[in-house]
Each structure stands twice: as structure tokens, then as C-alpha cells.
Amino acid sequence: MSRLRVVHTSTFRYAAPVQASYNEARMTPVSQAGQTVVSSHLEVRPHTWSHEYRDYWGTAVTVFEVLVPHESMVITAEHVVETGDAAPPRTVLDWDGLASADVRDRMAEFLADTPTTEPPQEVVALAAAEADGLAPADAAVAVCGALRDRVEYIPGVTAVHTPAAEAWQAKAGVCQDVAHLALGALRSLGIPARYVSGYLHPTRGGEVGETVTGESHAWVEWWVGDWVAYDPTNRIPAGAHHVVLARGRSYDDVAPLRGIYAGAGTQELAVEVRITRES
């Protein structure tokens, strides 16, 4: 197990004073097998009211509002999380098992595409070719690898709502785009798959006590009898250096911050993620 301290700071600055702001944050880690939340705190400056609830997908959501004039808003989420590598799946289904009516009914939401995950026909054909002759669990890894081979990691080419088809056409994008492409490809094969947002420690087995610049990150989980977490951008299973925040069908279900404000002018956002390995 590793113990990680994550400090995620988002700073909004406005061109003119904002009279009111209404927001929701999905920035609280999940306690689950292989991940234990030791402590978690979300601070908003300024703010006048907040409320917490779990959304449909099981994500912790903090709703808050600022009802005083302000020219900036700072959201700081600080967490201490113990993480470990995931256990192998206890049950592994074959293609017939995945195609059963029971599975397709229970997993319907993770088999249907969203506007951002719908794959182009070229990706559907690639997935079918890579999966040929393989069991579902092996096919999923092969498909993710084939997609990553063809998509170069280049920040700034896409935005948070860029459809997977556009990232594929550009053959470039970031972790979110690779995850969206992987979801569409896996679902086209009949493998239920979901989007995961969280943090990534950039160095596996980093030094204890060292604080590094971390990353907000995205990866996927597919279901072949149990859920299997995989990071297609880095071509590795998601494990002790990943911290899970939220899950959903695509980025749209798990955006870390979403809100509206009343005021003239534009806003600028600066984000910093700092991760310290404590043990």
C-alpha cells in the first residue's frame, strides 16, 4: 500500500466582480477495495453555503454557492488516501456470457455510447480486428494498446467536450480522449465499460516525503465478470499510483467542477495538483 497526500487547487479569476456563483464539485475520492480515504477536505474561498450528496453514479458531490461580490474564487481539495494494486477479477466471462440478456440488461448504461464516446467506423473495425480470436479480457487490453499506438499524446489539441471521433481524426489528444476512444471501442464489442476520473502520481514508487506535480487523469474500467481498471494512456493497469474520484459513462458525468456565475466579463482558471507520497 502507498499513502498519498493530494492537494488540488483550482483558482478562478474574473475580469469584473461576480455577483453570485453556483457550483458543484466532484473532487472527493472514493473508498473502495484497494483504496481507503484516510481524510478528505474541500475548502472554498469565499463561499456562503454548501451541501454534500452522492450522485446517481455513486460520486461524492459538494454543491456550493457564493452570494457576495467576488473577483476570484479558490477551491482547494486536500486528501490523504491509501492505495494499492487491484486484485485480479474473481470471475471472467467469455463472449457468450457477456452477450447474455441478463448482462446486457444490468450493464445497459455502460454498453450505450454518449455523444463524446461514439466511435467512428474505423475504430469499430479496428476493435473487431484486434479482438479476433481473443477472450474478452485479453481483447480489451489489445484494443486499448492498438488505439494508443495510433493516438499521440498532445495537450491542447482537444477540449473537454471534444468527441472521440474528432480526436481519432486528429490522431492526437490527451488521457480523456484516449479513454473516450477506448470506451467506444470496447462497447462496440459488447464489453461494458465506464470512464474513471482521478489523480495520477507521475512516478511509480516515488520517494517518501517528496512532493511532485501530479495530474488530473482519466482511465477506464471494463466489466468481464468483475470490473477491471486499466490506464490506456500509459498502457498499464490502474493501481497504487492512481486515485479514483468519480465514475460515469464519459467525462460529462464526472467533471470535477461545474457551475454558472452572474456577472460581466470572462473568467480564467488555473489548476495545480501536488502529490506527496507519505509512505
Foldseek 3Di string as FASTA:
>chain_A
DWKKKKKKKKKKFFPAWFQKKKKKFLADFDDDVFKDWPDKDKDKPPFDDWDWDADPQRTIMIITMHRHIDRMMMIIMITIMFGFFDDPDPDFAFLVVLPDPVNCVVLVQQLDADQQQAEDVVLLVLLVVQCPPHGLVVSLLSSLQVLLVQAAEDPPPDDQRHHLHVSNVVSYYHQQSSQSPSSNNSSSSSWGKKKWWWKFDPDVPDDAFDKDWIDTHMWMWTDRPHTFAARSNVSGGDTRRTTTRGMHNGCVVRPRMDIDTHDDGDMDMDMTMMMHTND
